[in-house]
Amino acid sequence: MERLIKPYGNNFTDFYAALDKGVQNKFVYVFKLIQSLEIIPNRFFKHVEGSDGLFEIRVEFESNIYRVFCFFDDGNVIILINSFQKKSQKTPVRELALAKKLKLQYFIDKKIDFENESRKKIKK
């Protein structure tokens, strides 16, 4: 099964750009696993308990832990929304709230884009 990974907004791309090359390489490695493995090990990809379809991508490099919240769209498309360096055992409430907000905004934007495309087709 091939999955497509796409960032939404600038949160992930800005976060990724600020990381050093070693961490970026680890992200690439984990993304390739997620794209290609049918069953992804929990240490790399896990459902967020108590959420409506949110997942977290987990990347460890040296003694640092990084998380990227994401969700599925259209079956095999993984949308990256927000990311952070984890500094405590618990997931920060603020980051989880932001992920939920960004997921909702993604689907609002997607609906608006769909409606705009439909209008363009009708005008032609």
PDB file of N, CA and C in Angstrom:
ATOM      1  N   MET A   1       0.848  -1.189   0.000  1.00  0.00           N
ATOM      2  CA  MET A   1       0.000   0.000   0.000  1.00  0.00           C
ATOM      3  C   MET A   1       0.883   1.238   0.000  1.00  0.00           C
ATOM      4  N   GLU A   2       0.652   2.093  -0.950  1.00  0.00           N
ATOM      5  CA  GLU A   2       1.414   3.334  -1.033  1.00  0.00           C
ATOM      6  C   GLU A   2       0.555   4.476  -0.498  1.00  0.00           C
ATOM      7  N   ARG A   3       1.086   5.172   0.492  1.00  0.00           N
ATOM      8  CA  ARG A   3       0.391   6.328   1.054  1.00  0.00           C
ATOM      9  C   ARG A   3       1.088   7.603   0.587  1.00  0.00           C
ATOM     10  N   LEU A   4       0.309   8.643   0.433  1.00  0.00           N
ATOM     11  CA  LEU A   4       0.838   9.951   0.071  1.00  0.00           C
ATOM     12  C   LEU A   4       0.838  10.811   1.328  1.00  0.00           C
ATOM     13  N   ILE A   5       1.934  11.508   1.583  1.00  0.00           N
ATOM     14  CA  ILE A   5       2.040  12.386   2.752  1.00  0.00           C
ATOM     15  C   ILE A   5       2.121  13.821   2.256  1.00  0.00           C
ATOM     16  N   LYS A   6       1.191  14.667   2.750  1.00  0.00           N
ATOM     17  CA  LYS A   6       1.132  16.063   2.320  1.00  0.00           C
ATOM     18  C   LYS A   6       1.016  16.980   3.532  1.00  0.00           C
ATOM     19  N   PRO A   7       1.804  18.047   3.579  1.00  0.00           N
ATOM     20  CA  PRO A   7       1.625  19.022   4.660  1.00  0.00           C
ATOM     21  C   PRO A   7       0.454  19.948   4.355  1.00  0.00           C
ATOM     22  N   TYR A   8      -0.212  20.405   5.404  1.00  0.00           N
ATOM     23  CA  TYR A   8      -1.273  21.405   5.278  1.00  0.00           C
ATOM     24  C   TYR A   8      -0.786  22.661   5.992  1.00  0.00           C
ATOM     25  N   GLY A   9      -0.816  23.773   5.313  1.00  0.00           N
ATOM     26  CA  GLY A   9      -0.337  25.013   5.907  1.00  0.00           C
ATOM     27  C   GLY A   9       1.184  25.004   6.030  1.00  0.00           C
ATOM     28  N   ASN A  10       1.698  25.892   6.869  1.00  0.00           N
ATOM     29  CA  ASN A  10       3.148  26.041   7.010  1.00  0.00           C
ATOM     30  C   ASN A  10       3.714  25.429   8.277  1.00  0.00           C
ATOM     31  N   ASN A  11       2.865  24.957   9.174  1.00  0.00           N
ATOM     32  CA  ASN A  11       3.365  24.508  10.467  1.00  0.00           C
ATOM     33  C   ASN A  11       4.456  23.460  10.329  1.00  0.00           C
ATOM     34  N   PHE A  12       4.163  22.389   9.606  1.00  0.00           N
ATOM     35  CA  PHE A  12       5.165  21.330   9.501  1.00  0.00           C
ATOM     36  C   PHE A  12       6.373  21.780   8.688  1.00  0.00           C
ATOM     37  N   THR A  13       6.157  22.428   7.547  1.00  0.00           N
ATOM     38  CA  THR A  13       7.287  22.801   6.694  1.00  0.00           C
ATOM     39  C   THR A  13       8.230  23.771   7.396  1.00  0.00           C
ATOM     40  N   ASP A  14       7.690  24.726   8.153  1.00  0.00           N
ATOM     41  CA  ASP A  14       8.535  25.648   8.923  1.00  0.00           C
ATOM     42  C   ASP A  14       9.300  24.904  10.011  1.00  0.00           C
ATOM     43  N   PHE A  15       8.611  24.006  10.705  1.00  0.00           N
ATOM     44  CA  PHE A  15       9.228  23.210  11.764  1.00  0.00           C
ATOM     45  C   PHE A  15      10.368  22.363  11.188  1.00  0.00           C
ATOM     46  N   TYR A  16      10.088  21.679  10.095  1.00  0.00           N
ATOM     47  CA  TYR A  16      11.066  20.795   9.453  1.00  0.00           C
ATOM     48  C   TYR A  16      12.290  21.581   8.974  1.00  0.00           C
ATOM     49  N   ALA A  17      12.061  22.742   8.378  1.00  0.00           N
ATOM     50  CA  ALA A  17      13.162  23.557   7.849  1.00  0.00           C
ATOM     51  C   ALA A  17      14.120  24.001   8.952  1.00  0.00           C
ATOM     52  N   ALA A  18      13.617  24.150  10.174  1.00  0.00           N
ATOM     53  CA  ALA A  18      14.447  24.608  11.289  1.00  0.00           C
ATOM     54  C   ALA A  18      15.255  23.477  11.941  1.00  0.00           C
ATOM     55  N   LEU A  19      14.970  22.232  11.580  1.00  0.00           N
ATOM     56  CA  LEU A  19      15.669  21.091  12.180  1.00  0.00           C
ATOM     57  C   LEU A  19      17.036  20.893  11.540  1.00  0.00           C
ATOM     58  N   ASP A  20      17.960  20.293  12.308  1.00  0.00           N
ATOM     59  CA  ASP A  20      19.262  20.001  11.702  1.00  0.00           C
ATOM     60  C   ASP A  20      19.140  18.808  10.759  1.00  0.00           C
ATOM     61  N   LYS A  21      20.144  18.624   9.926  1.00  0.00           N
ATOM     62  CA  LYS A  21      20.101  17.632   8.850  1.00  0.00           C
ATOM     63  C   LYS A  21      19.880  16.214   9.367  1.00  0.00           C
ATOM     64  N   GLY A  22      20.472  15.864  10.494  1.00  0.00           N
ATOM     65  CA  GLY A  22      20.305  14.519  11.043  1.00  0.00           C
ATOM     66  C   GLY A  22      18.856  14.222  11.395  1.00  0.00           C
ATOM     67  N   VAL A  23      18.187  15.187  12.001  1.00  0.00           N
ATOM     68  CA  VAL A  23      16.775  15.015  12.366  1.00  0.00           C
ATOM     69  C   VAL A  23      15.925  14.961  11.097  1.00  0.00           C
ATOM     70  N   GLN A  24      16.219  15.819  10.135  1.00  0.00           N
ATOM     71  CA  GLN A  24      15.485  15.792   8.871  1.00  0.00           C
ATOM     72  C   GLN A  24      15.605  14.423   8.199  1.00  0.00           C
ATOM     73  N   ASN A  25      16.800  13.850   8.217  1.00  0.00           N
ATOM     74  CA  ASN A  25      16.997  12.524   7.620  1.00  0.00           C
ATOM     75  C   ASN A  25      16.173  11.464   8.338  1.00  0.00           C
ATOM     76  N   LYS A  26      16.057  11.581   9.648  1.00  0.00           N
ATOM     77  CA  LYS A  26      15.249  10.620  10.407  1.00  0.00           C
ATOM     78  C   LYS A  26      13.770  10.770  10.038  1.00  0.00           C
ATOM     79  N   PHE A  27      13.313  12.006   9.869  1.00  0.00           N
ATOM     80  CA  PHE A  27      11.937  12.236   9.423  1.00  0.00           C
ATOM     81  C   PHE A  27      11.702  11.573   8.063  1.00  0.00           C
ATOM     82  N   VAL A  28      12.631  11.739   7.144  1.00  0.00           N
ATOM     83  CA  VAL A  28      12.499  11.136   5.813  1.00  0.00           C
ATOM     84  C   VAL A  28      12.395   9.617   5.939  1.00  0.00           C
ATOM     85  N   TYR A  29      13.228   9.030   6.779  1.00  0.00           N
ATOM     86  CA  TYR A  29      13.201   7.581   7.007  1.00  0.00           C
ATOM     87  C   TYR A  29      11.830   7.132   7.520  1.00  0.00           C
ATOM     88  N   VAL A  30      11.318   7.824   8.536  1.00  0.00           N
ATOM     89  CA  VAL A  30      10.017   7.464   9.120  1.00  0.00           C
ATOM     90  C   VAL A  30       8.900   7.665   8.095  1.00  0.00           C
ATOM     91  N   PHE A  31       8.945   8.748   7.335  1.00  0.00           N
ATOM     92  CA  PHE A  31       7.925   8.976   6.305  1.00  0.00           C
ATOM     93  C   PHE A  31       7.937   7.858   5.263  1.00  0.00           C
ATOM     94  N   LYS A  32       9.111   7.393   4.878  1.00  0.00           N
ATOM     95  CA  LYS A  32       9.189   6.296   3.894  1.00  0.00           C
ATOM     96  C   LYS A  32       8.569   5.019   4.450  1.00  0.00           C
ATOM     97  N   LEU A  33       8.788   4.752   5.742  1.00  0.00           N
ATOM     98  CA  LEU A  33       8.148   3.590   6.367  1.00  0.00           C
ATOM     99  C   LEU A  33       6.629   3.725   6.319  1.00  0.00           C
ATOM    100  N   ILE A  34       6.145   4.899   6.691  1.00  0.00           N
ATOM    101  CA  ILE A  34       4.699   5.143   6.727  1.00  0.00           C
ATOM    102  C   ILE A  34       4.095   5.025   5.330  1.00  0.00           C
ATOM    103  N   GLN A  35       4.813   5.498   4.332  1.00  0.00           N
ATOM    104  CA  GLN A  35       4.306   5.428   2.961  1.00  0.00           C
ATOM    105  C   GLN A  35       4.234   4.003   2.438  1.00  0.00           C
ATOM    106  N   SER A  36       5.169   3.169   2.839  1.00  0.00           N
ATOM    107  CA  SER A  36       5.295   1.872   2.177  1.00  0.00           C
ATOM    108  C   SER A  36       4.821   0.656   2.967  1.00  0.00           C
ATOM    109  N   LEU A  37       4.855   0.702   4.297  1.00  0.00           N
ATOM    110  CA  LEU A  37       4.460  -0.469   5.081  1.00  0.00           C
ATOM    111  C   LEU A  37       2.947  -0.569   5.203  1.00  0.00           C
ATOM    112  N   GLU A  38       2.424  -1.765   5.030  1.00  0.00           N
ATOM    113  CA  GLU A  38       0.981  -1.962   5.206  1.00  0.00           C
ATOM    114  C   GLU A  38       0.591  -1.751   6.667  1.00  0.00           C
ATOM    115  N   ILE A  39       1.357  -2.346   7.569  1.00  0.00           N
ATOM    116  CA  ILE A  39       1.124  -2.172   9.007  1.00  0.00           C
ATOM    117  C   ILE A  39       2.305  -1.386   9.565  1.00  0.00           C
ATOM    118  N   ILE A  40       2.017  -0.200  10.070  1.00  0.00           N
ATOM    119  CA  ILE A  40       3.068   0.686  10.573  1.00  0.00           C
ATOM    120  C   ILE A  40       3.263   0.415  12.068  1.00  0.00           C
ATOM    121  N   PRO A  41       4.490   0.183  12.509  1.00  0.00           N
ATOM    122  CA  PRO A  41       4.726  -0.044  13.939  1.00  0.00           C
ATOM    123  C   PRO A  41       4.274   1.153  14.787  1.00  0.00           C
ATOM    124  N   ASN A  42       3.700   0.860  15.959  1.00  0.00           N
ATOM    125  CA  ASN A  42       3.213   1.906  16.868  1.00  0.00           C
ATOM    126  C   ASN A  42       4.291   2.891  17.290  1.00  0.00           C
ATOM    127  N   ARG A  43       5.521   2.469  17.269  1.00  0.00           N
ATOM    128  CA  ARG A  43       6.557   3.410  17.707  1.00  0.00           C
ATOM    129  C   ARG A  43       6.765   4.545  16.709  1.00  0.00           C
ATOM    130  N   PHE A  44       6.220   4.401  15.496  1.00  0.00           N
ATOM    131  CA  PHE A  44       6.325   5.454  14.482  1.00  0.00           C
ATOM    132  C   PHE A  44       5.001   6.151  14.182  1.00  0.00           C
ATOM    133  N   PHE A  45       3.892   5.455  14.377  1.00  0.00           N
ATOM    134  CA  PHE A  45       2.595   5.987  13.947  1.00  0.00           C
ATOM    135  C   PHE A  45       1.519   5.425  14.859  1.00  0.00           C
ATOM    136  N   LYS A  46       0.772   6.321  15.496  1.00  0.00           N
ATOM    137  CA  LYS A  46      -0.171   5.861  16.513  1.00  0.00           C
ATOM    138  C   LYS A  46      -1.404   6.762  16.544  1.00  0.00           C
ATOM    139  N   HIS A  47      -2.577   6.144  16.738  1.00  0.00           N
ATOM    140  CA  HIS A  47      -3.820   6.899  16.899  1.00  0.00           C
ATOM    141  C   HIS A  47      -3.768   7.657  18.220  1.00  0.00           C
ATOM    142  N   VAL A  48      -4.242   8.886  18.215  1.00  0.00           N
ATOM    143  CA  VAL A  48      -4.297   9.696  19.433  1.00  0.00           C
ATOM    144  C   VAL A  48      -5.588   9.351  20.161  1.00  0.00           C
ATOM    145  N   GLU A  49      -5.449   8.796  21.342  1.00  0.00           N
ATOM    146  CA  GLU A  49      -6.627   8.385  22.122  1.00  0.00           C
ATOM    147  C   GLU A  49      -7.547   9.565  22.385  1.00  0.00           C
ATOM    148  N   GLY A  50      -8.843   9.303  22.285  1.00  0.00           N
ATOM    149  CA  GLY A  50      -9.838  10.330  22.571  1.00  0.00           C
ATOM    150  C   GLY A  50      -9.983  11.377  21.478  1.00  0.00           C
ATOM    151  N   SER A  51      -9.374  11.132  20.326  1.00  0.00           N
ATOM    152  CA  SER A  51      -9.492  12.101  19.232  1.00  0.00           C
ATOM    153  C   SER A  51     -10.338  11.501  18.113  1.00  0.00           C
ATOM    154  N   ASP A  52     -10.821  12.360  17.271  1.00  0.00           N
ATOM    155  CA  ASP A  52     -11.628  11.926  16.137  1.00  0.00           C
ATOM    156  C   ASP A  52     -10.732  11.808  14.907  1.00  0.00           C
ATOM    157  N   GLY A  53     -10.022  10.696  14.801  1.00  0.00           N
ATOM    158  CA  GLY A  53      -9.223  10.446  13.614  1.00  0.00           C
ATOM    159  C   GLY A  53      -7.864  11.113  13.561  1.00  0.00           C
ATOM    160  N   LEU A  54      -7.374  11.614  14.690  1.00  0.00           N
ATOM    161  CA  LEU A  54      -6.027  12.181  14.702  1.00  0.00           C
ATOM    162  C   LEU A  54      -5.011  11.086  15.003  1.00  0.00           C
ATOM    163  N   PHE A  55      -3.863  11.200  14.353  1.00  0.00           N
ATOM    164  CA  PHE A  55      -2.749  10.295  14.582  1.00  0.00           C
ATOM    165  C   PHE A  55      -1.519  11.124  14.895  1.00  0.00           C
ATOM    166  N   GLU A  56      -0.512  10.471  15.473  1.00  0.00           N
ATOM    167  CA  GLU A  56       0.748  11.163  15.659  1.00  0.00           C
ATOM    168  C   GLU A  56       1.861  10.332  15.048  1.00  0.00           C
ATOM    169  N   ILE A  57       2.714  11.022  14.319  1.00  0.00           N
ATOM    170  CA  ILE A  57       3.930  10.421  13.793  1.00  0.00           C
ATOM    171  C   ILE A  57       4.999  10.697  14.836  1.00  0.00           C
ATOM    172  N   ARG A  58       5.735   9.654  15.183  1.00  0.00           N
ATOM    173  CA  ARG A  58       6.714   9.764  16.259  1.00  0.00           C
ATOM    174  C   ARG A  58       8.118   9.570  15.688  1.00  0.00           C
ATOM    175  N   VAL A  59       8.963  10.542  15.948  1.00  0.00           N
ATOM    176  CA  VAL A  59      10.347  10.484  15.475  1.00  0.00           C
ATOM    177  C   VAL A  59      11.266  10.706  16.665  1.00  0.00           C
ATOM    178  N   GLU A  60      12.198   9.786  16.851  1.00  0.00           N
ATOM    179  CA  GLU A  60      13.203   9.929  17.905  1.00  0.00           C
ATOM    180  C   GLU A  60      14.561  10.068  17.246  1.00  0.00           C
ATOM    181  N   PHE A  61      15.316  11.032  17.718  1.00  0.00           N
ATOM    182  CA  PHE A  61      16.673  11.224  17.216  1.00  0.00           C
ATOM    183  C   PHE A  61      17.550  11.636  18.379  1.00  0.00           C
ATOM    184  N   GLU A  62      18.589  10.838  18.603  1.00  0.00           N
ATOM    185  CA  GLU A  62      19.454  11.004  19.758  1.00  0.00           C
ATOM    186  C   GLU A  62      18.570  11.011  21.003  1.00  0.00           C
ATOM    187  N   SER A  63      18.599  12.035  21.807  1.00  0.00           N
ATOM    188  CA  SER A  63      17.762  12.018  23.018  1.00  0.00           C
ATOM    189  C   SER A  63      16.516  12.887  22.865  1.00  0.00           C
ATOM    190  N   ASN A  64      16.201  13.265  21.648  1.00  0.00           N
ATOM    191  CA  ASN A  64      15.051  14.136  21.400  1.00  0.00           C
ATOM    192  C   ASN A  64      13.904  13.359  20.770  1.00  0.00           C
ATOM    193  N   ILE A  65      12.692  13.789  21.113  1.00  0.00           N
ATOM    194  CA  ILE A  65      11.480  13.165  20.591  1.00  0.00           C
ATOM    195  C   ILE A  65      10.655  14.245  19.890  1.00  0.00           C
ATOM    196  N   TYR A  66      10.209  13.925  18.690  1.00  0.00           N
ATOM    197  CA  TYR A  66       9.421  14.857  17.892  1.00  0.00           C
ATOM    198  C   TYR A  66       8.087  14.205  17.549  1.00  0.00           C
ATOM    199  N   ARG A  67       7.062  15.025  17.439  1.00  0.00           N
ATOM    200  CA  ARG A  67       5.730  14.542  17.092  1.00  0.00           C
ATOM    201  C   ARG A  67       5.154  15.401  15.975  1.00  0.00           C
ATOM    202  N   VAL A  68       4.414  14.726  15.108  1.00  0.00           N
ATOM    203  CA  VAL A  68       3.666  15.422  14.059  1.00  0.00           C
ATOM    204  C   VAL A  68       2.245  14.894  14.110  1.00  0.00           C
ATOM    205  N   PHE A  69       1.280  15.767  14.356  1.00  0.00           N
ATOM    206  CA  PHE A  69      -0.115  15.353  14.296  1.00  0.00           C
ATOM    207  C   PHE A  69      -0.536  15.307  12.835  1.00  0.00           C
ATOM    208  N   CYS A  70      -1.376  14.324  12.530  1.00  0.00           N
ATOM    209  CA  CYS A  70      -1.825  14.145  11.155  1.00  0.00           C
ATOM    210  C   CYS A  70      -3.165  13.416  11.150  1.00  0.00           C
ATOM    211  N   PHE A  71      -3.738  13.272   9.956  1.00  0.00           N
ATOM    212  CA  PHE A  71      -4.987  12.522   9.793  1.00  0.00           C
ATOM    213  C   PHE A  71      -5.054  12.023   8.354  1.00  0.00           C
ATOM    214  N   PHE A  72      -5.961  11.099   8.115  1.00  0.00           N
ATOM    215  CA  PHE A  72      -6.153  10.555   6.771  1.00  0.00           C
ATOM    216  C   PHE A  72      -7.225  11.341   6.032  1.00  0.00           C
ATOM    217  N   ASP A  73      -7.004  11.504   4.730  1.00  0.00           N
ATOM    218  CA  ASP A  73      -8.006  12.076   3.845  1.00  0.00           C
ATOM    219  C   ASP A  73      -8.026  11.218   2.582  1.00  0.00           C
ATOM    220  N   ASP A  74      -9.183  10.981   2.037  1.00  0.00           N
ATOM    221  CA  ASP A  74      -9.328  10.180   0.813  1.00  0.00           C
ATOM    222  C   ASP A  74      -8.653   8.814   0.917  1.00  0.00           C
ATOM    223  N   GLY A  75      -8.721   8.201   2.068  1.00  0.00           N
ATOM    224  CA  GLY A  75      -8.233   6.830   2.237  1.00  0.00           C
ATOM    225  C   GLY A  75      -6.758   6.675   2.482  1.00  0.00           C
ATOM    226  N   ASN A  76      -5.920   7.072   1.528  1.00  0.00           N
ATOM    227  CA  ASN A  76      -4.493   6.822   1.680  1.00  0.00           C
ATOM    228  C   ASN A  76      -3.637   8.091   1.706  1.00  0.00           C
ATOM    229  N   VAL A  77      -4.251   9.242   1.864  1.00  0.00           N
ATOM    230  CA  VAL A  77      -3.507  10.499   1.937  1.00  0.00           C
ATOM    231  C   VAL A  77      -3.398  10.903   3.408  1.00  0.00           C
ATOM    232  N   ILE A  78      -2.164  11.113   3.853  1.00  0.00           N
ATOM    233  CA  ILE A  78      -1.927  11.545   5.231  1.00  0.00           C
ATOM    234  C   ILE A  78      -1.605  13.032   5.198  1.00  0.00           C
ATOM    235  N   ILE A  79      -2.399  13.798   5.924  1.00  0.00           N
ATOM    236  CA  ILE A  79      -2.237  15.247   5.973  1.00  0.00           C
ATOM    237  C   ILE A  79      -1.502  15.610   7.264  1.00  0.00           C
ATOM    238  N   LEU A  80      -0.327  16.239   7.118  1.00  0.00           N
ATOM    239  CA  LEU A  80       0.460  16.687   8.269  1.00  0.00           C
ATOM    240  C   LEU A  80      -0.052  18.051   8.699  1.00  0.00           C
ATOM    241  N   ILE A  81      -0.353  18.204  10.003  1.00  0.00           N
ATOM    242  CA  ILE A  81      -0.886  19.495  10.425  1.00  0.00           C
ATOM    243  C   ILE A  81       0.047  20.251  11.363  1.00  0.00           C
ATOM    244  N   ASN A  82       0.268  19.785  12.562  1.00  0.00           N
ATOM    245  CA  ASN A  82       1.202  20.525  13.409  1.00  0.00           C
ATOM    246  C   ASN A  82       2.230  19.595  14.021  1.00  0.00           C
ATOM    247  N   SER A  83       3.363  20.174  14.361  1.00  0.00           N
ATOM    248  CA  SER A  83       4.495  19.388  14.840  1.00  0.00           C
ATOM    249  C   SER A  83       5.182  20.127  15.981  1.00  0.00           C
ATOM    250  N   PHE A  84       5.868  19.351  16.808  1.00  0.00           N
ATOM    251  CA  PHE A  84       6.545  19.935  17.962  1.00  0.00           C
ATOM    252  C   PHE A  84       7.575  18.959  18.500  1.00  0.00           C
ATOM    253  N   GLN A  85       8.494  19.499  19.303  1.00  0.00           N
ATOM    254  CA  GLN A  85       9.440  18.650  20.012  1.00  0.00           C
ATOM    255  C   GLN A  85       8.833  18.336  21.365  1.00  0.00           C
ATOM    256  N   LYS A  86       8.733  17.072  21.663  1.00  0.00           N
ATOM    257  CA  LYS A  86       8.091  16.645  22.906  1.00  0.00           C
ATOM    258  C   LYS A  86       9.093  16.736  24.046  1.00  0.00           C
ATOM    259  N   LYS A  87       8.689  17.407  25.123  1.00  0.00           N
ATOM    260  CA  LYS A  87       9.596  17.605  26.249  1.00  0.00           C
ATOM    261  C   LYS A  87       9.091  16.982  27.534  1.00  0.00           C
ATOM    262  N   SER A  88       7.888  16.405  27.500  1.00  0.00           N
ATOM    263  CA  SER A  88       7.345  15.762  28.699  1.00  0.00           C
ATOM    264  C   SER A  88       6.614  14.490  28.285  1.00  0.00           C
ATOM    265  N   GLN A  89       6.224  13.692  29.261  1.00  0.00           N
ATOM    266  CA  GLN A  89       5.526  12.437  28.984  1.00  0.00           C
ATOM    267  C   GLN A  89       4.177  12.667  28.315  1.00  0.00           C
ATOM    268  N   LYS A  90       3.453  13.675  28.774  1.00  0.00           N
ATOM    269  CA  LYS A  90       2.111  13.929  28.249  1.00  0.00           C
ATOM    270  C   LYS A  90       2.179  14.831  27.020  1.00  0.00           C
ATOM    271  N   THR A  91       1.265  14.577  26.109  1.00  0.00           N
ATOM    272  CA  THR A  91       1.138  15.442  24.941  1.00  0.00           C
ATOM    273  C   THR A  91       0.574  16.784  25.399  1.00  0.00           C
ATOM    274  N   PRO A  92       1.228  17.887  25.031  1.00  0.00           N
ATOM    275  CA  PRO A  92       0.730  19.200  25.449  1.00  0.00           C
ATOM    276  C   PRO A  92      -0.702  19.452  24.962  1.00  0.00           C
ATOM    277  N   VAL A  93      -1.548  19.885  25.863  1.00  0.00           N
ATOM    278  CA  VAL A  93      -2.958  20.151  25.549  1.00  0.00           C
ATOM    279  C   VAL A  93      -3.066  21.191  24.435  1.00  0.00           C
ATOM    280  N   ARG A  94      -2.204  22.194  24.484  1.00  0.00           N
ATOM    281  CA  ARG A  94      -2.226  23.257  23.481  1.00  0.00           C
ATOM    282  C   ARG A  94      -1.973  22.701  22.076  1.00  0.00           C
ATOM    283  N   GLU A  95      -1.024  21.777  21.960  1.00  0.00           N
ATOM    284  CA  GLU A  95      -0.704  21.185  20.652  1.00  0.00           C
ATOM    285  C   GLU A  95      -1.859  20.334  20.130  1.00  0.00           C
ATOM    286  N   LEU A  96      -2.492  19.601  21.026  1.00  0.00           N
ATOM    287  CA  LEU A  96      -3.636  18.772  20.634  1.00  0.00           C
ATOM    288  C   LEU A  96      -4.809  19.647  20.189  1.00  0.00           C
ATOM    289  N   ALA A  97      -5.055  20.734  20.911  1.00  0.00           N
ATOM    290  CA  ALA A  97      -6.133  21.660  20.536  1.00  0.00           C
ATOM    291  C   ALA A  97      -5.849  22.288  19.169  1.00  0.00           C
ATOM    292  N   LEU A  98      -4.594  22.645  18.930  1.00  0.00           N
ATOM    293  CA  LEU A  98      -4.221  23.213  17.635  1.00  0.00           C
ATOM    294  C   LEU A  98      -4.432  22.189  16.519  1.00  0.00           C
ATOM    295  N   ALA A  99      -4.076  20.935  16.770  1.00  0.00           N
ATOM    296  CA  ALA A  99      -4.263  19.880  15.766  1.00  0.00           C
ATOM    297  C   ALA A  99      -5.735  19.732  15.403  1.00  0.00           C
ATOM    298  N   LYS A 100      -6.597  19.730  16.397  1.00  0.00           N
ATOM    299  CA  LYS A 100      -8.037  19.606  16.138  1.00  0.00           C
ATOM    300  C   LYS A 100      -8.550  20.789  15.322  1.00  0.00           C
ATOM    301  N   LYS A 101      -8.075  21.984  15.661  1.00  0.00           N
ATOM    302  CA  LYS A 101      -8.487  23.193  14.948  1.00  0.00           C
ATOM    303  C   LYS A 101      -8.006  23.149  13.491  1.00  0.00           C
ATOM    304  N   LEU A 102      -6.758  22.743  13.279  1.00  0.00           N
ATOM    305  CA  LEU A 102      -6.211  22.684  11.921  1.00  0.00           C
ATOM    306  C   LEU A 102      -6.897  21.616  11.072  1.00  0.00           C
ATOM    307  N   LYS A 103      -7.255  20.498  11.690  1.00  0.00           N
ATOM    308  CA  LYS A 103      -7.971  19.451  10.955  1.00  0.00           C
ATOM    309  C   LYS A 103      -9.319  19.987  10.471  1.00  0.00           C
ATOM    310  N   LEU A 104     -10.038  20.651  11.356  1.00  0.00           N
ATOM    311  CA  LEU A 104     -11.324  21.244  10.989  1.00  0.00           C
ATOM    312  C   LEU A 104     -11.145  22.275   9.873  1.00  0.00           C
ATOM    313  N   GLN A 105     -10.124  23.129  10.001  1.00  0.00           N
ATOM    314  CA  GLN A 105      -9.871  24.154   8.991  1.00  0.00           C
ATOM    315  C   GLN A 105      -9.527  23.530   7.639  1.00  0.00           C
ATOM    316  N   TYR A 106      -8.797  22.435   7.656  1.00  0.00           N
ATOM    317  CA  TYR A 106      -8.451  21.733   6.416  1.00  0.00           C
ATOM    318  C   TYR A 106      -9.717  21.337   5.652  1.00  0.00           C
ATOM    319  N   PHE A 107     -10.663  20.736   6.362  1.00  0.00           N
ATOM    320  CA  PHE A 107     -11.881  20.281   5.681  1.00  0.00           C
ATOM    321  C   PHE A 107     -12.763  21.451   5.251  1.00  0.00           C
ATOM    322  N   ILE A 108     -12.735  22.542   5.992  1.00  0.00           N
ATOM    323  CA  ILE A 108     -13.449  23.754   5.557  1.00  0.00           C
ATOM    324  C   ILE A 108     -12.824  24.269   4.262  1.00  0.00           C
ATOM    325  N   ASP A 109     -11.484  24.374   4.243  1.00  0.00           N
ATOM    326  CA  ASP A 109     -10.784  24.841   3.042  1.00  0.00           C
ATOM    327  C   ASP A 109     -11.031  23.907   1.859  1.00  0.00           C
ATOM    328  N   LYS A 110     -11.023  22.620   2.119  1.00  0.00           N
ATOM    329  CA  LYS A 110     -11.236  21.634   1.053  1.00  0.00           C
ATOM    330  C   LYS A 110     -12.637  21.794   0.453  1.00  0.00           C
ATOM    331  N   LYS A 111     -13.623  22.019   1.306  1.00  0.00           N
ATOM    332  CA  LYS A 111     -14.997  22.208   0.831  1.00  0.00           C
ATOM    333  C   LYS A 111     -15.104  23.486   0.000  1.00  0.00           C
ATOM    334  N   ILE A 112     -14.467  24.549   0.465  1.00  0.00           N
ATOM    335  CA  ILE A 112     -14.484  25.814  -0.280  1.00  0.00           C
ATOM    336  C   ILE A 112     -13.817  25.629  -1.641  1.00  0.00           C
ATOM    337  N   ASP A 113     -12.662  24.943  -1.663  1.00  0.00           N
ATOM    338  CA  ASP A 113     -11.970  24.690  -2.933  1.00  0.00           C
ATOM    339  C   ASP A 113     -12.844  23.877  -3.882  1.00  0.00           C
ATOM    340  N   PHE A 114     -13.514  22.866  -3.350  1.00  0.00           N
ATOM    341  CA  PHE A 114     -14.393  22.025  -4.169  1.00  0.00           C
ATOM    342  C   PHE A 114     -15.532  22.851  -4.756  1.00  0.00           C
ATOM    343  N   GLU A 115     -16.141  23.694  -3.924  1.00  0.00           N
ATOM    344  CA  GLU A 115     -17.252  24.524  -4.396  1.00  0.00           C
ATOM    345  C   GLU A 115     -16.783  25.518  -5.454  1.00  0.00           C
ATOM    346  N   ASN A 116     -15.605  26.099  -5.257  1.00  0.00           N
ATOM    347  CA  ASN A 116     -15.068  27.036  -6.251  1.00  0.00           C
ATOM    348  C   ASN A 116     -14.778  26.336  -7.574  1.00  0.00           C
ATOM    349  N   GLU A 117     -14.215  25.139  -7.516  1.00  0.00           N
ATOM    350  CA  GLU A 117     -13.949  24.368  -8.737  1.00  0.00           C
ATOM    351  C   GLU A 117     -15.257  24.012  -9.446  1.00  0.00           C
ATOM    352  N   SER A 118     -16.268  23.659  -8.678  1.00  0.00           N
ATOM    353  CA  SER A 118     -17.572  23.324  -9.264  1.00  0.00           C
ATOM    354  C   SER A 118     -18.167  24.526  -9.981  1.00  0.00           C
ATOM    355  N   ARG A 119     -18.038  25.708  -9.374  1.00  0.00           N
ATOM    356  CA  ARG A 119     -18.555  26.929 -10.002  1.00  0.00           C
ATOM    357  C   ARG A 119     -17.828  27.224 -11.309  1.00  0.00           C
ATOM    358  N   LYS A 120     -16.509  27.020 -11.317  1.00  0.00           N
ATOM    359  CA  LYS A 120     -15.729  27.265 -12.537  1.00  0.00           C
ATOM    360  C   LYS A 120     -16.185  26.343 -13.659  1.00  0.00           C
ATOM    361  N   LYS A 121     -16.454  25.093 -13.342  1.00  0.00           N
ATOM    362  CA  LYS A 121     -16.889  24.130 -14.360  1.00  0.00           C
ATOM    363  C   LYS A 121     -18.259  24.495 -14.906  1.00  0.00           C
ATOM    364  N   ILE A 122     -19.135  24.992 -14.046  1.00  0.00           N
ATOM    365  CA  ILE A 122     -20.482  25.381 -14.473  1.00  0.00           C
ATOM    366  C   ILE A 122     -20.409  26.583 -15.412  1.00  0.00           C
ATOM    367  N   LYS A 123     -19.511  27.539 -15.139  1.00  0.00           N
ATOM    368  CA  LYS A 123     -19.379  28.739 -15.966  1.00  0.00           C
ATOM    369  C   LYS A 123     -18.862  28.425 -17.362  1.00  0.00           C
ATOM    370  N   LYS A 124     -18.084  27.355 -17.501  1.00  0.00           N
ATOM    371  CA  LYS A 124     -17.509  27.008 -18.811  1.00  0.00           C
ATOM    372  C   LYS A 124     -18.548  26.441 -19.667  1.00  0.00           C
TER     373      LYS A 124
END
